């Protein structure tokens, strides 16, 4: 088994975790798993940002930007 990698980002008011294990990547937004798994970090990041945007828009807000918080 290859090592687990984690990237953490601030997306507006949300925290996005992108976690990779054995060549597959998943994303969580505020601790909730985004549906599916991805083959690249960027695909998982995009899915997470899209979900954060969807959550904000459902509340009448918009995502203001992303900030990398480092590796976990």
PDB file of N, CA and C in Angstrom:
ATOM      1  N   UNK A   1       0.840  -1.175   0.000  1.00  0.00           N
ATOM      2  CA  UNK A   1       0.000   0.000   0.000  1.00  0.00           C
ATOM      3  C   UNK A   1       0.889   1.243   0.000  1.00  0.00           C
ATOM      4  N   UNK A   2       0.586   2.153  -0.891  1.00  0.00           N
ATOM      5  CA  UNK A   2       1.314   3.417  -0.935  1.00  0.00           C
ATOM      6  C   UNK A   2       0.844   4.303   0.212  1.00  0.00           C
ATOM      7  N   UNK A   3       1.685   5.289   0.584  1.00  0.00           N
ATOM      8  CA  UNK A   3       1.347   6.180   1.676  1.00  0.00           C
ATOM      9  C   UNK A   3       0.164   7.068   1.400  1.00  0.00           C
ATOM     10  N   UNK A   4      -0.472   7.509   2.478  1.00  0.00           N
ATOM     11  CA  UNK A   4      -1.615   8.414   2.381  1.00  0.00           C
ATOM     12  C   UNK A   4      -1.100   9.848   2.310  1.00  0.00           C
ATOM     13  N   UNK A   5      -1.662  10.633   1.388  1.00  0.00           N
ATOM     14  CA  UNK A   5      -1.312  12.044   1.238  1.00  0.00           C
ATOM     15  C   UNK A   5      -2.546  12.878   1.483  1.00  0.00           C
ATOM     16  N   UNK A   6      -2.386  14.006   2.193  1.00  0.00           N
ATOM     17  CA  UNK A   6      -3.503  14.883   2.487  1.00  0.00           C
ATOM     18  C   UNK A   6      -3.130  16.321   2.172  1.00  0.00           C
ATOM     19  N   UNK A   7      -4.015  17.012   1.483  1.00  0.00           N
ATOM     20  CA  UNK A   7      -3.881  18.448   1.241  1.00  0.00           C
ATOM     21  C   UNK A   7      -5.116  19.114   1.833  1.00  0.00           C
ATOM     22  N   UNK A   8      -4.925  20.265   2.482  1.00  0.00           N
ATOM     23  CA  UNK A   8      -6.027  20.968   3.115  1.00  0.00           C
ATOM     24  C   UNK A   8      -6.106  22.371   2.544  1.00  0.00           C
ATOM     25  N   UNK A   9      -7.324  22.793   2.191  1.00  0.00           N
ATOM     26  CA  UNK A   9      -7.548  24.115   1.611  1.00  0.00           C
ATOM     27  C   UNK A   9      -8.714  24.797   2.311  1.00  0.00           C
ATOM     28  N   UNK A  10      -8.649  26.101   2.396  1.00  0.00           N
ATOM     29  CA  UNK A  10      -9.788  26.913   2.828  1.00  0.00           C
ATOM     30  C   UNK A  10     -10.479  27.393   1.560  1.00  0.00           C
ATOM     31  N   UNK A  11     -11.765  27.088   1.412  1.00  0.00           N
ATOM     32  CA  UNK A  11     -12.547  27.487   0.237  1.00  0.00           C
ATOM     33  C   UNK A  11     -13.699  28.345   0.764  1.00  0.00           C
ATOM     34  N   UNK A  12     -13.524  29.661   0.731  1.00  0.00           N
ATOM     35  CA  UNK A  12     -14.517  30.529   1.359  1.00  0.00           C
ATOM     36  C   UNK A  12     -14.610  30.191   2.827  1.00  0.00           C
ATOM     37  N   UNK A  13     -15.799  29.841   3.294  1.00  0.00           N
ATOM     38  CA  UNK A  13     -15.998  29.462   4.701  1.00  0.00           C
ATOM     39  C   UNK A  13     -15.769  27.984   4.951  1.00  0.00           C
ATOM     40  N   UNK A  14     -15.468  27.222   3.925  1.00  0.00           N
ATOM     41  CA  UNK A  14     -15.389  25.766   4.019  1.00  0.00           C
ATOM     42  C   UNK A  14     -13.942  25.269   4.083  1.00  0.00           C
ATOM     43  N   UNK A  15     -13.786  24.090   4.686  1.00  0.00           N
ATOM     44  CA  UNK A  15     -12.488  23.409   4.711  1.00  0.00           C
ATOM     45  C   UNK A  15     -12.577  22.208   3.787  1.00  0.00           C
ATOM     46  N   UNK A  16     -11.680  22.169   2.818  1.00  0.00           N
ATOM     47  CA  UNK A  16     -11.614  21.095   1.828  1.00  0.00           C
ATOM     48  C   UNK A  16     -10.377  20.243   2.110  1.00  0.00           C
ATOM     49  N   UNK A  17     -10.592  18.952   2.319  1.00  0.00           N
ATOM     50  CA  UNK A  17      -9.500  17.982   2.438  1.00  0.00           C
ATOM     51  C   UNK A  17      -9.466  17.165   1.155  1.00  0.00           C
ATOM     52  N   UNK A  18      -8.288  17.000   0.587  1.00  0.00           N
ATOM     53  CA  UNK A  18      -8.076  16.108  -0.557  1.00  0.00           C
ATOM     54  C   UNK A  18      -7.112  15.039  -0.074  1.00  0.00           C
ATOM     55  N   UNK A  19      -7.577  13.797  -0.089  1.00  0.00           N
ATOM     56  CA  UNK A  19      -6.805  12.689   0.472  1.00  0.00           C
ATOM     57  C   UNK A  19      -6.569  11.647  -0.608  1.00  0.00           C
ATOM     58  N   UNK A  20      -5.304  11.227  -0.737  1.00  0.00           N
ATOM     59  CA  UNK A  20      -4.951  10.219  -1.725  1.00  0.00           C
ATOM     60  C   UNK A  20      -4.386   8.977  -1.071  1.00  0.00           C
ATOM     61  N   UNK A  21      -4.768   7.827  -1.598  1.00  0.00           N
ATOM     62  CA  UNK A  21      -4.266   6.549  -1.122  1.00  0.00           C
ATOM     63  C   UNK A  21      -4.307   5.563  -2.274  1.00  0.00           C
ATOM     64  N   UNK A  22      -3.177   4.962  -2.559  1.00  0.00           N
ATOM     65  CA  UNK A  22      -3.083   3.959  -3.625  1.00  0.00           C
ATOM     66  C   UNK A  22      -3.533   4.483  -4.985  1.00  0.00           C
ATOM     67  N   UNK A  23      -3.206   5.735  -5.292  1.00  0.00           N
ATOM     68  CA  UNK A  23      -3.516   6.289  -6.602  1.00  0.00           C
ATOM     69  C   UNK A  23      -4.946   6.763  -6.791  1.00  0.00           C
ATOM     70  N   UNK A  24      -5.736   6.726  -5.739  1.00  0.00           N
ATOM     71  CA  UNK A  24      -7.113   7.232  -5.789  1.00  0.00           C
ATOM     72  C   UNK A  24      -7.224   8.401  -4.825  1.00  0.00           C
ATOM     73  N   UNK A  25      -8.001   9.384  -5.216  1.00  0.00           N
ATOM     74  CA  UNK A  25      -8.161  10.601  -4.431  1.00  0.00           C
ATOM     75  C   UNK A  25      -9.629  10.818  -4.104  1.00  0.00           C
ATOM     76  N   UNK A  26      -9.888  11.273  -2.893  1.00  0.00           N
ATOM     77  CA  UNK A  26     -11.240  11.653  -2.476  1.00  0.00           C
ATOM     78  C   UNK A  26     -11.175  13.060  -1.906  1.00  0.00           C
ATOM     79  N   UNK A  27     -12.332  13.703  -1.861  1.00  0.00           N
ATOM     80  CA  UNK A  27     -12.427  15.050  -1.308  1.00  0.00           C
ATOM     81  C   UNK A  27     -13.522  15.078  -0.252  1.00  0.00           C
ATOM     82  N   UNK A  28     -13.288  15.866   0.796  1.00  0.00           N
ATOM     83  CA  UNK A  28     -14.335  16.145   1.772  1.00  0.00           C
ATOM     84  C   UNK A  28     -14.452  17.656   1.915  1.00  0.00           C
ATOM     85  N   UNK A  29     -15.671  18.109   2.110  1.00  0.00           N
ATOM     86  CA  UNK A  29     -15.938  19.522   2.374  1.00  0.00           C
ATOM     87  C   UNK A  29     -16.615  19.588   3.734  1.00  0.00           C
ATOM     88  N   UNK A  30     -15.971  20.262   4.673  1.00  0.00           N
ATOM     89  CA  UNK A  30     -16.490  20.361   6.042  1.00  0.00           C
ATOM     90  C   UNK A  30     -16.779  18.981   6.625  1.00  0.00           C
ATOM     91  N   UNK A  31     -15.921  18.013   6.296  1.00  0.00           N
ATOM     92  CA  UNK A  31     -16.046  16.667   6.833  1.00  0.00           C
ATOM     93  C   UNK A  31     -17.017  15.761   6.097  1.00  0.00           C
ATOM     94  N   UNK A  32     -17.719  16.298   5.085  1.00  0.00           N
ATOM     95  CA  UNK A  32     -18.664  15.487   4.319  1.00  0.00           C
ATOM     96  C   UNK A  32     -17.994  15.009   3.032  1.00  0.00           C
ATOM     97  N   UNK A  33     -18.055  13.710   2.784  1.00  0.00           N
ATOM     98  CA  UNK A  33     -17.426  13.119   1.601  1.00  0.00           C
ATOM     99  C   UNK A  33     -18.122  13.573   0.327  1.00  0.00           C
ATOM    100  N   UNK A  34     -17.324  14.056  -0.629  1.00  0.00           N
ATOM    101  CA  UNK A  34     -17.845  14.386  -1.956  1.00  0.00           C
ATOM    102  C   UNK A  34     -17.985  13.071  -2.711  1.00  0.00           C
ATOM    103  N   UNK A  35     -19.099  12.871  -3.392  1.00  0.00           N
ATOM    104  CA  UNK A  35     -19.351  11.610  -4.091  1.00  0.00           C
ATOM    105  C   UNK A  35     -18.239  11.266  -5.072  1.00  0.00           C
ATOM    106  N   UNK A  36     -17.833  10.020  -5.067  1.00  0.00           N
ATOM    107  CA  UNK A  36     -16.886   9.510  -6.048  1.00  0.00           C
ATOM    108  C   UNK A  36     -15.443   9.549  -5.586  1.00  0.00           C
ATOM    109  N   UNK A  37     -14.587   8.944  -6.387  1.00  0.00           N
ATOM    110  CA  UNK A  37     -13.145   9.008  -6.190  1.00  0.00           C
ATOM    111  C   UNK A  37     -12.542   9.472  -7.505  1.00  0.00           C
ATOM    112  N   UNK A  38     -11.294   9.945  -7.433  1.00  0.00           N
ATOM    113  CA  UNK A  38     -10.665  10.596  -8.577  1.00  0.00           C
ATOM    114  C   UNK A  38      -9.260  10.054  -8.775  1.00  0.00           C
ATOM    115  N   UNK A  39      -8.756  10.172 -10.003  1.00  0.00           N
ATOM    116  CA  UNK A  39      -7.423   9.643 -10.305  1.00  0.00           C
ATOM    117  C   UNK A  39      -6.327  10.682 -10.129  1.00  0.00           C
ATOM    118  N   UNK A  40      -6.683  11.955  -9.960  1.00  0.00           N
ATOM    119  CA  UNK A  40      -5.677  12.999  -9.742  1.00  0.00           C
ATOM    120  C   UNK A  40      -6.107  13.920  -8.609  1.00  0.00           C
ATOM    121  N   UNK A  41      -5.117  14.562  -8.029  1.00  0.00           N
ATOM    122  CA  UNK A  41      -5.373  15.551  -6.985  1.00  0.00           C
ATOM    123  C   UNK A  41      -6.238  16.681  -7.517  1.00  0.00           C
ATOM    124  N   UNK A  42      -5.937  17.133  -8.726  1.00  0.00           N
ATOM    125  CA  UNK A  42      -6.672  18.274  -9.274  1.00  0.00           C
ATOM    126  C   UNK A  42      -8.142  17.946  -9.525  1.00  0.00           C
ATOM    127  N   UNK A  43      -8.449  16.711  -9.923  1.00  0.00           N
ATOM    128  CA  UNK A  43      -9.854  16.323 -10.109  1.00  0.00           C
ATOM    129  C   UNK A  43     -10.599  16.336  -8.774  1.00  0.00           C
ATOM    130  N   UNK A  44      -9.956  15.817  -7.732  1.00  0.00           N
ATOM    131  CA  UNK A  44     -10.576  15.810  -6.402  1.00  0.00           C
ATOM    132  C   UNK A  44     -10.731  17.235  -5.876  1.00  0.00           C
ATOM    133  N   UNK A  45      -9.709  18.076  -6.069  1.00  0.00           N
ATOM    134  CA  UNK A  45      -9.777  19.480  -5.643  1.00  0.00           C
ATOM    135  C   UNK A  45     -10.922  20.196  -6.356  1.00  0.00           C
ATOM    136  N   UNK A  46     -11.029  19.998  -7.665  1.00  0.00           N
ATOM    137  CA  UNK A  46     -12.093  20.631  -8.439  1.00  0.00           C
ATOM    138  C   UNK A  46     -13.470  20.194  -7.937  1.00  0.00           C
ATOM    139  N   UNK A  47     -13.632  18.920  -7.662  1.00  0.00           N
ATOM    140  CA  UNK A  47     -14.910  18.422  -7.144  1.00  0.00           C
ATOM    141  C   UNK A  47     -15.220  19.041  -5.788  1.00  0.00           C
ATOM    142  N   UNK A  48     -14.206  19.193  -4.951  1.00  0.00           N
ATOM    143  CA  UNK A  48     -14.409  19.809  -3.640  1.00  0.00           C
ATOM    144  C   UNK A  48     -14.777  21.281  -3.735  1.00  0.00           C
ATOM    145  N   UNK A  49     -14.102  22.024  -4.594  1.00  0.00           N
ATOM    146  CA  UNK A  49     -14.412  23.447  -4.786  1.00  0.00           C
ATOM    147  C   UNK A  49     -15.818  23.589  -5.377  1.00  0.00           C
ATOM    148  N   UNK A  50     -16.169  22.717  -6.309  1.00  0.00           N
ATOM    149  CA  UNK A  50     -17.509  22.747  -6.899  1.00  0.00           C
ATOM    150  C   UNK A  50     -18.577  22.502  -5.833  1.00  0.00           C
ATOM    151  N   UNK A  51     -18.319  21.554  -4.943  1.00  0.00           N
ATOM    152  CA  UNK A  51     -19.277  21.265  -3.865  1.00  0.00           C
ATOM    153  C   UNK A  51     -19.375  22.443  -2.894  1.00  0.00           C
ATOM    154  N   UNK A  52     -18.253  23.056  -2.537  1.00  0.00           N
ATOM    155  CA  UNK A  52     -18.280  24.229  -1.659  1.00  0.00           C
ATOM    156  C   UNK A  52     -19.072  25.361  -2.302  1.00  0.00           C
ATOM    157  N   UNK A  53     -18.890  25.544  -3.586  1.00  0.00           N
ATOM    158  CA  UNK A  53     -19.635  26.567  -4.320  1.00  0.00           C
ATOM    159  C   UNK A  53     -21.127  26.251  -4.320  1.00  0.00           C
ATOM    160  N   UNK A  54     -21.468  24.980  -4.530  1.00  0.00           N
ATOM    161  CA  UNK A  54     -22.872  24.573  -4.518  1.00  0.00           C
ATOM    162  C   UNK A  54     -23.510  24.848  -3.154  1.00  0.00           C
ATOM    163  N   UNK A  55     -22.786  24.516  -2.080  1.00  0.00           N
ATOM    164  CA  UNK A  55     -23.294  24.770  -0.732  1.00  0.00           C
ATOM    165  C   UNK A  55     -23.527  26.258  -0.507  1.00  0.00           C
ATOM    166  N   UNK A  56     -22.564  27.082  -0.925  1.00  0.00           N
ATOM    167  CA  UNK A  56     -22.706  28.527  -0.745  1.00  0.00           C
ATOM    168  C   UNK A  56     -23.856  29.084  -1.561  1.00  0.00           C
ATOM    169  N   UNK A  57     -23.970  28.655  -2.798  1.00  0.00           N
ATOM    170  CA  UNK A  57     -25.052  29.163  -3.659  1.00  0.00           C
ATOM    171  C   UNK A  57     -26.426  28.760  -3.119  1.00  0.00           C
ATOM    172  N   UNK A  58     -26.512  27.587  -2.498  1.00  0.00           N
ATOM    173  CA  UNK A  58     -27.793  27.163  -1.931  1.00  0.00           C
ATOM    174  C   UNK A  58     -28.190  28.041  -0.747  1.00  0.00           C
ATOM    175  N   UNK A  59     -27.203  28.737  -0.165  1.00  0.00           N
ATOM    176  CA  UNK A  59     -27.456  29.668   0.941  1.00  0.00           C
ATOM    177  C   UNK A  59     -27.460  31.118   0.471  1.00  0.00           C
ATOM    178  N   UNK A  60     -27.355  31.328  -0.851  1.00  0.00           N
ATOM    179  CA  UNK A  60     -27.343  32.682  -1.379  1.00  0.00           C
ATOM    180  C   UNK A  60     -26.007  33.381  -1.250  1.00  0.00           C
ATOM    181  N   UNK A  61     -24.921  32.618  -1.075  1.00  0.00           N
ATOM    182  CA  UNK A  61     -23.576  33.166  -0.933  1.00  0.00           C
ATOM    183  C   UNK A  61     -22.732  32.739  -2.135  1.00  0.00           C
ATOM    184  N   UNK A  62     -21.499  33.262  -2.220  1.00  0.00           N
ATOM    185  CA  UNK A  62     -20.564  32.837  -3.263  1.00  0.00           C
ATOM    186  C   UNK A  62     -19.215  32.517  -2.646  1.00  0.00           C
ATOM    187  N   UNK A  63     -18.457  31.634  -3.304  1.00  0.00           N
ATOM    188  CA  UNK A  63     -17.110  31.297  -2.856  1.00  0.00           C
ATOM    189  C   UNK A  63     -16.183  32.440  -3.227  1.00  0.00           C
ATOM    190  N   UNK A  64     -15.410  32.907  -2.248  1.00  0.00           N
ATOM    191  CA  UNK A  64     -14.557  34.070  -2.492  1.00  0.00           C
ATOM    192  C   UNK A  64     -13.141  33.708  -2.921  1.00  0.00           C
ATOM    193  N   UNK A  65     -12.729  32.481  -2.748  1.00  0.00           N
ATOM    194  CA  UNK A  65     -11.388  32.086  -3.152  1.00  0.00           C
ATOM    195  C   UNK A  65     -10.913  30.886  -2.373  1.00  0.00           C
ATOM    196  N   UNK A  66      -9.724  30.398  -2.714  1.00  0.00           N
ATOM    197  CA  UNK A  66      -9.166  29.244  -2.006  1.00  0.00           C
ATOM    198  C   UNK A  66      -7.787  29.587  -1.489  1.00  0.00           C
ATOM    199  N   UNK A  67      -7.443  28.957  -0.377  1.00  0.00           N
ATOM    200  CA  UNK A  67      -6.124  29.125   0.221  1.00  0.00           C
ATOM    201  C   UNK A  67      -5.621  27.751   0.630  1.00  0.00           C
ATOM    202  N   UNK A  68      -4.413  27.420   0.237  1.00  0.00           N
ATOM    203  CA  UNK A  68      -3.821  26.168   0.697  1.00  0.00           C
ATOM    204  C   UNK A  68      -3.364  26.317   2.136  1.00  0.00           C
ATOM    205  N   UNK A  69      -3.728  25.353   2.979  1.00  0.00           N
ATOM    206  CA  UNK A  69      -3.364  25.411   4.379  1.00  0.00           C
ATOM    207  C   UNK A  69      -2.196  24.511   4.705  1.00  0.00           C
ATOM    208  N   UNK A  70      -1.661  23.805   3.726  1.00  0.00           N
ATOM    209  CA  UNK A  70      -0.514  22.935   3.966  1.00  0.00           C
ATOM    210  C   UNK A  70      -0.879  21.474   3.888  1.00  0.00           C
ATOM    211  N   UNK A  71       0.069  20.635   4.183  1.00  0.00           N
ATOM    212  CA  UNK A  71      -0.120  19.193   4.134  1.00  0.00           C
ATOM    213  C   UNK A  71      -0.389  18.680   5.528  1.00  0.00           C
ATOM    214  N   UNK A  72      -1.333  17.732   5.621  1.00  0.00           N
ATOM    215  CA  UNK A  72      -1.728  17.194   6.931  1.00  0.00           C
ATOM    216  C   UNK A  72      -0.971  15.973   7.276  1.00  0.00           C
TER     217      UNK A  72
END
